[in-house]
Amino acid sequence: MSTYLWRKSSYSGDAGNCVNVAASDGVIVLRESDDPETILSTTPAALRDFIRGAKAGRLDHVR
């Protein structure tokens, strides 16, 4: 497994249940702090679209 420079939101404080994010070679990787061996990867554009959609409320009524 690659070594990533994991970051978490400053809003997480000392909580142990947060999402960590890192970037490597044009790929964004994410993991949940309480299951660090499971890593998801995406592109910067796809993550940006997901975040914009969530902020705009497009995921409020997902079925």
PDB file of N, CA and C in Angstrom:
ATOM      1  N   MET A   1       0.846  -1.172   0.000  1.00  0.00           N
ATOM      2  CA  MET A   1       0.000   0.000   0.000  1.00  0.00           C
ATOM      3  C   MET A   1       0.893   1.236   0.000  1.00  0.00           C
ATOM      4  N   SER A   2       0.483   2.243  -0.776  1.00  0.00           N
ATOM      5  CA  SER A   2       1.236   3.490  -0.838  1.00  0.00           C
ATOM      6  C   SER A   2       1.139   4.251   0.479  1.00  0.00           C
ATOM      7  N   THR A   3       2.133   5.072   0.708  1.00  0.00           N
ATOM      8  CA  THR A   3       2.113   5.929   1.878  1.00  0.00           C
ATOM      9  C   THR A   3       1.497   7.262   1.478  1.00  0.00           C
ATOM     10  N   TYR A   4       0.442   7.648   2.146  1.00  0.00           N
ATOM     11  CA  TYR A   4      -0.257   8.890   1.847  1.00  0.00           C
ATOM     12  C   TYR A   4      -0.084   9.865   2.994  1.00  0.00           C
ATOM     13  N   LEU A   5      -0.157  11.136   2.682  1.00  0.00           N
ATOM     14  CA  LEU A   5      -0.191  12.179   3.697  1.00  0.00           C
ATOM     15  C   LEU A   5      -1.659  12.467   3.970  1.00  0.00           C
ATOM     16  N   TRP A   6      -2.221  11.758   4.951  1.00  0.00           N
ATOM     17  CA  TRP A   6      -3.649  11.858   5.261  1.00  0.00           C
ATOM     18  C   TRP A   6      -3.947  13.153   5.990  1.00  0.00           C
ATOM     19  N   ARG A   7      -5.081  13.757   5.642  1.00  0.00           N
ATOM     20  CA  ARG A   7      -5.544  14.976   6.311  1.00  0.00           C
ATOM     21  C   ARG A   7      -6.987  14.775   6.732  1.00  0.00           C
ATOM     22  N   LYS A   8      -7.392  15.463   7.789  1.00  0.00           N
ATOM     23  CA  LYS A   8      -8.790  15.433   8.210  1.00  0.00           C
ATOM     24  C   LYS A   8      -9.230  16.849   8.491  1.00  0.00           C
ATOM     25  N   SER A   9     -10.504  17.053   8.500  1.00  0.00           N
ATOM     26  CA  SER A   9     -11.060  18.378   8.733  1.00  0.00           C
ATOM     27  C   SER A   9     -10.737  18.856  10.140  1.00  0.00           C
ATOM     28  N   SER A  10     -10.454  20.132  10.251  1.00  0.00           N
ATOM     29  CA  SER A  10     -10.226  20.708  11.574  1.00  0.00           C
ATOM     30  C   SER A  10     -11.519  20.704  12.399  1.00  0.00           C
ATOM     31  N   TYR A  11     -12.655  20.552  11.741  1.00  0.00           N
ATOM     32  CA  TYR A  11     -13.938  20.479  12.447  1.00  0.00           C
ATOM     33  C   TYR A  11     -14.108  19.147  13.168  1.00  0.00           C
ATOM     34  N   SER A  12     -13.305  18.150  12.826  1.00  0.00           N
ATOM     35  CA  SER A  12     -13.414  16.837  13.449  1.00  0.00           C
ATOM     36  C   SER A  12     -12.911  16.826  14.887  1.00  0.00           C
ATOM     37  N   GLY A  13     -12.036  17.754  15.212  1.00  0.00           N
ATOM     38  CA  GLY A  13     -11.483  17.801  16.561  1.00  0.00           C
ATOM     39  C   GLY A  13     -10.781  16.503  16.906  1.00  0.00           C
ATOM     40  N   ASP A  14     -11.073  15.965  18.080  1.00  0.00           N
ATOM     41  CA  ASP A  14     -10.460  14.712  18.517  1.00  0.00           C
ATOM     42  C   ASP A  14     -11.341  13.501  18.224  1.00  0.00           C
ATOM     43  N   ALA A  15     -12.420  13.707  17.488  1.00  0.00           N
ATOM     44  CA  ALA A  15     -13.327  12.604  17.180  1.00  0.00           C
ATOM     45  C   ALA A  15     -12.602  11.525  16.397  1.00  0.00           C
ATOM     46  N   GLY A  16     -12.942  10.294  16.655  1.00  0.00           N
ATOM     47  CA  GLY A  16     -12.302   9.178  15.981  1.00  0.00           C
ATOM     48  C   GLY A  16     -13.050   8.700  14.754  1.00  0.00           C
ATOM     49  N   ASN A  17     -14.214   9.275  14.488  1.00  0.00           N
ATOM     50  CA  ASN A  17     -15.015   8.828  13.347  1.00  0.00           C
ATOM     51  C   ASN A  17     -15.099   9.935  12.296  1.00  0.00           C
ATOM     52  N   CYS A  18     -14.055  10.058  11.519  1.00  0.00           N
ATOM     53  CA  CYS A  18     -14.020  11.104  10.509  1.00  0.00           C
ATOM     54  C   CYS A  18     -13.447  10.545   9.214  1.00  0.00           C
ATOM     55  N   VAL A  19     -13.599  11.308   8.156  1.00  0.00           N
ATOM     56  CA  VAL A  19     -13.072  10.918   6.856  1.00  0.00           C
ATOM     57  C   VAL A  19     -11.709  11.573   6.678  1.00  0.00           C
ATOM     58  N   ASN A  20     -10.736  10.784   6.237  1.00  0.00           N
ATOM     59  CA  ASN A  20      -9.403  11.297   5.920  1.00  0.00           C
ATOM     60  C   ASN A  20      -9.287  11.373   4.408  1.00  0.00           C
ATOM     61  N   VAL A  21      -8.530  12.362   3.924  1.00  0.00           N
ATOM     62  CA  VAL A  21      -8.343  12.538   2.489  1.00  0.00           C
ATOM     63  C   VAL A  21      -6.872  12.772   2.193  1.00  0.00           C
ATOM     64  N   ALA A  22      -6.435  12.299   1.037  1.00  0.00           N
ATOM     65  CA  ALA A  22      -5.052  12.503   0.588  1.00  0.00           C
ATOM     66  C   ALA A  22      -5.060  12.580  -0.935  1.00  0.00           C
ATOM     67  N   ALA A  23      -4.007  13.143  -1.481  1.00  0.00           N
ATOM     68  CA  ALA A  23      -3.868  13.232  -2.934  1.00  0.00           C
ATOM     69  C   ALA A  23      -2.548  12.603  -3.339  1.00  0.00           C
ATOM     70  N   SER A  24      -2.576  11.902  -4.469  1.00  0.00           N
ATOM     71  CA  SER A  24      -1.363  11.256  -4.959  1.00  0.00           C
ATOM     72  C   SER A  24      -1.473  11.037  -6.457  1.00  0.00           C
ATOM     73  N   ASP A  25      -0.540  11.576  -7.212  1.00  0.00           N
ATOM     74  CA  ASP A  25      -0.475  11.362  -8.652  1.00  0.00           C
ATOM     75  C   ASP A  25      -1.793  11.652  -9.364  1.00  0.00           C
ATOM     76  N   GLY A  26      -2.451  12.763  -9.020  1.00  0.00           N
ATOM     77  CA  GLY A  26      -3.687  13.150  -9.691  1.00  0.00           C
ATOM     78  C   GLY A  26      -4.912  12.382  -9.264  1.00  0.00           C
ATOM     79  N   VAL A  27      -4.807  11.603  -8.190  1.00  0.00           N
ATOM     80  CA  VAL A  27      -5.927  10.825  -7.661  1.00  0.00           C
ATOM     81  C   VAL A  27      -6.196  11.278  -6.231  1.00  0.00           C
ATOM     82  N   ILE A  28      -7.467  11.363  -5.880  1.00  0.00           N
ATOM     83  CA  ILE A  28      -7.861  11.668  -4.508  1.00  0.00           C
ATOM     84  C   ILE A  28      -8.241  10.350  -3.844  1.00  0.00           C
ATOM     85  N   VAL A  29      -7.714  10.105  -2.655  1.00  0.00           N
ATOM     86  CA  VAL A  29      -8.052   8.891  -1.912  1.00  0.00           C
ATOM     87  C   VAL A  29      -8.708   9.293  -0.600  1.00  0.00           C
ATOM     88  N   LEU A  30      -9.687   8.486  -0.197  1.00  0.00           N
ATOM     89  CA  LEU A  30     -10.447   8.750   1.019  1.00  0.00           C
ATOM     90  C   LEU A  30     -10.518   7.483   1.852  1.00  0.00           C
ATOM     91  N   ARG A  31     -10.576   7.659   3.150  1.00  0.00           N
ATOM     92  CA  ARG A  31     -10.767   6.523   4.057  1.00  0.00           C
ATOM     93  C   ARG A  31     -11.506   7.017   5.290  1.00  0.00           C
ATOM     94  N   GLU A  32     -12.155   6.098   5.961  1.00  0.00           N
ATOM     95  CA  GLU A  32     -12.816   6.404   7.223  1.00  0.00           C
ATOM     96  C   GLU A  32     -11.835   6.078   8.341  1.00  0.00           C
ATOM     97  N   SER A  33     -11.726   6.951   9.313  1.00  0.00           N
ATOM     98  CA  SER A  33     -10.696   6.780  10.335  1.00  0.00           C
ATOM     99  C   SER A  33     -10.862   5.502  11.147  1.00  0.00           C
ATOM    100  N   ASP A  34     -12.098   5.007  11.310  1.00  0.00           N
ATOM    101  CA  ASP A  34     -12.257   3.785  12.092  1.00  0.00           C
ATOM    102  C   ASP A  34     -12.134   2.512  11.238  1.00  0.00           C
ATOM    103  N   ASP A  35     -11.870   2.659   9.929  1.00  0.00           N
ATOM    104  CA  ASP A  35     -11.591   1.525   9.047  1.00  0.00           C
ATOM    105  C   ASP A  35     -10.521   1.950   8.038  1.00  0.00           C
ATOM    106  N   PRO A  36      -9.306   2.237   8.510  1.00  0.00           N
ATOM    107  CA  PRO A  36      -8.279   2.837   7.658  1.00  0.00           C
ATOM    108  C   PRO A  36      -7.748   1.942   6.545  1.00  0.00           C
ATOM    109  N   GLU A  37      -8.034   0.653   6.573  1.00  0.00           N
ATOM    110  CA  GLU A  37      -7.541  -0.234   5.521  1.00  0.00           C
ATOM    111  C   GLU A  37      -8.409  -0.167   4.260  1.00  0.00           C
ATOM    112  N   THR A  38      -9.642   0.332   4.387  1.00  0.00           N
ATOM    113  CA  THR A  38     -10.531   0.470   3.242  1.00  0.00           C
ATOM    114  C   THR A  38     -10.333   1.856   2.649  1.00  0.00           C
ATOM    115  N   ILE A  39      -9.843   1.904   1.416  1.00  0.00           N
ATOM    116  CA  ILE A  39      -9.514   3.170   0.768  1.00  0.00           C
ATOM    117  C   ILE A  39     -10.289   3.281  -0.538  1.00  0.00           C
ATOM    118  N   LEU A  40     -10.954   4.406  -0.728  1.00  0.00           N
ATOM    119  CA  LEU A  40     -11.659   4.698  -1.967  1.00  0.00           C
ATOM    120  C   LEU A  40     -10.843   5.702  -2.751  1.00  0.00           C
ATOM    121  N   SER A  41     -10.895   5.611  -4.067  1.00  0.00           N
ATOM    122  CA  SER A  41     -10.175   6.587  -4.879  1.00  0.00           C
ATOM    123  C   SER A  41     -11.121   7.210  -5.896  1.00  0.00           C
ATOM    124  N   THR A  42     -10.823   8.436  -6.284  1.00  0.00           N
ATOM    125  CA  THR A  42     -11.621   9.169  -7.259  1.00  0.00           C
ATOM    126  C   THR A  42     -10.732  10.220  -7.915  1.00  0.00           C
ATOM    127  N   THR A  43     -11.290  10.878  -8.886  1.00  0.00           N
ATOM    128  CA  THR A  43     -10.551  11.965  -9.529  1.00  0.00           C
ATOM    129  C   THR A  43     -10.917  13.280  -8.861  1.00  0.00           C
ATOM    130  N   PRO A  44     -10.061  14.272  -8.961  1.00  0.00           N
ATOM    131  CA  PRO A  44     -10.411  15.586  -8.405  1.00  0.00           C
ATOM    132  C   PRO A  44     -11.721  16.133  -8.987  1.00  0.00           C
ATOM    133  N   ALA A  45     -11.941  15.956 -10.287  1.00  0.00           N
ATOM    134  CA  ALA A  45     -13.168  16.469 -10.911  1.00  0.00           C
ATOM    135  C   ALA A  45     -14.411  15.771 -10.371  1.00  0.00           C
ATOM    136  N   ALA A  46     -14.358  14.460 -10.214  1.00  0.00           N
ATOM    137  CA  ALA A  46     -15.512  13.720  -9.696  1.00  0.00           C
ATOM    138  C   ALA A  46     -15.814  14.102  -8.250  1.00  0.00           C
ATOM    139  N   LEU A  47     -14.787  14.266  -7.435  1.00  0.00           N
ATOM    140  CA  LEU A  47     -14.993  14.667  -6.046  1.00  0.00           C
ATOM    141  C   LEU A  47     -15.559  16.078  -5.983  1.00  0.00           C
ATOM    142  N   ARG A  48     -15.041  16.964  -6.811  1.00  0.00           N
ATOM    143  CA  ARG A  48     -15.547  18.343  -6.860  1.00  0.00           C
ATOM    144  C   ARG A  48     -17.032  18.357  -7.243  1.00  0.00           C
ATOM    145  N   ASP A  49     -17.418  17.571  -8.252  1.00  0.00           N
ATOM    146  CA  ASP A  49     -18.822  17.497  -8.655  1.00  0.00           C
ATOM    147  C   ASP A  49     -19.697  16.936  -7.541  1.00  0.00           C
ATOM    148  N   PHE A  50     -19.210  15.915  -6.843  1.00  0.00           N
ATOM    149  CA  PHE A  50     -19.962  15.328  -5.735  1.00  0.00           C
ATOM    150  C   PHE A  50     -20.194  16.358  -4.627  1.00  0.00           C
ATOM    151  N   ILE A  51     -19.148  17.070  -4.244  1.00  0.00           N
ATOM    152  CA  ILE A  51     -19.265  18.070  -3.176  1.00  0.00           C
ATOM    153  C   ILE A  51     -20.209  19.193  -3.588  1.00  0.00           C
ATOM    154  N   ARG A  52     -20.070  19.679  -4.819  1.00  0.00           N
ATOM    155  CA  ARG A  52     -20.982  20.735  -5.296  1.00  0.00           C
ATOM    156  C   ARG A  52     -22.421  20.256  -5.295  1.00  0.00           C
ATOM    157  N   GLY A  53     -22.663  19.032  -5.736  1.00  0.00           N
ATOM    158  CA  GLY A  53     -24.015  18.487  -5.738  1.00  0.00           C
ATOM    159  C   GLY A  53     -24.581  18.352  -4.336  1.00  0.00           C
ATOM    160  N   ALA A  54     -23.767  17.891  -3.403  1.00  0.00           N
ATOM    161  CA  ALA A  54     -24.215  17.754  -2.014  1.00  0.00           C
ATOM    162  C   ALA A  54     -24.549  19.117  -1.423  1.00  0.00           C
ATOM    163  N   LYS A  55     -23.704  20.108  -1.666  1.00  0.00           N
ATOM    164  CA  LYS A  55     -23.955  21.456  -1.152  1.00  0.00           C
ATOM    165  C   LYS A  55     -25.207  22.073  -1.772  1.00  0.00           C
ATOM    166  N   ALA A  56     -25.493  21.732  -3.008  1.00  0.00           N
ATOM    167  CA  ALA A  56     -26.661  22.273  -3.702  1.00  0.00           C
ATOM    168  C   ALA A  56     -27.946  21.532  -3.333  1.00  0.00           C
ATOM    169  N   GLY A  57     -27.828  20.455  -2.544  1.00  0.00           N
ATOM    170  CA  GLY A  57     -29.008  19.712  -2.112  1.00  0.00           C
ATOM    171  C   GLY A  57     -29.458  18.623  -3.076  1.00  0.00           C
ATOM    172  N   ARG A  58     -28.675  18.330  -4.099  1.00  0.00           N
ATOM    173  CA  ARG A  58     -29.069  17.321  -5.070  1.00  0.00           C
ATOM    174  C   ARG A  58     -29.041  15.905  -4.504  1.00  0.00           C
ATOM    175  N   LEU A  59     -28.489  15.710  -3.324  1.00  0.00           N
ATOM    176  CA  LEU A  59     -28.469  14.382  -2.708  1.00  0.00           C
ATOM    177  C   LEU A  59     -29.414  14.286  -1.516  1.00  0.00           C
ATOM    178  N   ASP A  60     -30.239  15.305  -1.310  1.00  0.00           N
ATOM    179  CA  ASP A  60     -31.129  15.320  -0.151  1.00  0.00           C
ATOM    180  C   ASP A  60     -32.212  14.242  -0.219  1.00  0.00           C
ATOM    181  N   HIS A  61     -32.581  13.831  -1.403  1.00  0.00           N
ATOM    182  CA  HIS A  61     -33.677  12.868  -1.554  1.00  0.00           C
ATOM    183  C   HIS A  61     -33.246  11.691  -2.423  1.00  0.00           C
ATOM    184  N   VAL A  62     -32.098  11.144  -2.160  1.00  0.00           N
ATOM    185  CA  VAL A  62     -31.597   9.987  -2.903  1.00  0.00           C
ATOM    186  C   VAL A  62     -32.437   8.782  -2.536  1.00  0.00           C
ATOM    187  N   ARG A  63     -32.846   8.025  -3.534  1.00  0.00           N
ATOM    188  CA  ARG A  63     -33.694   6.842  -3.299  1.00  0.00           C
ATOM    189  C   ARG A  63     -32.925   5.583  -3.460  1.00  0.00           C
TER     190      ARG A  63
END
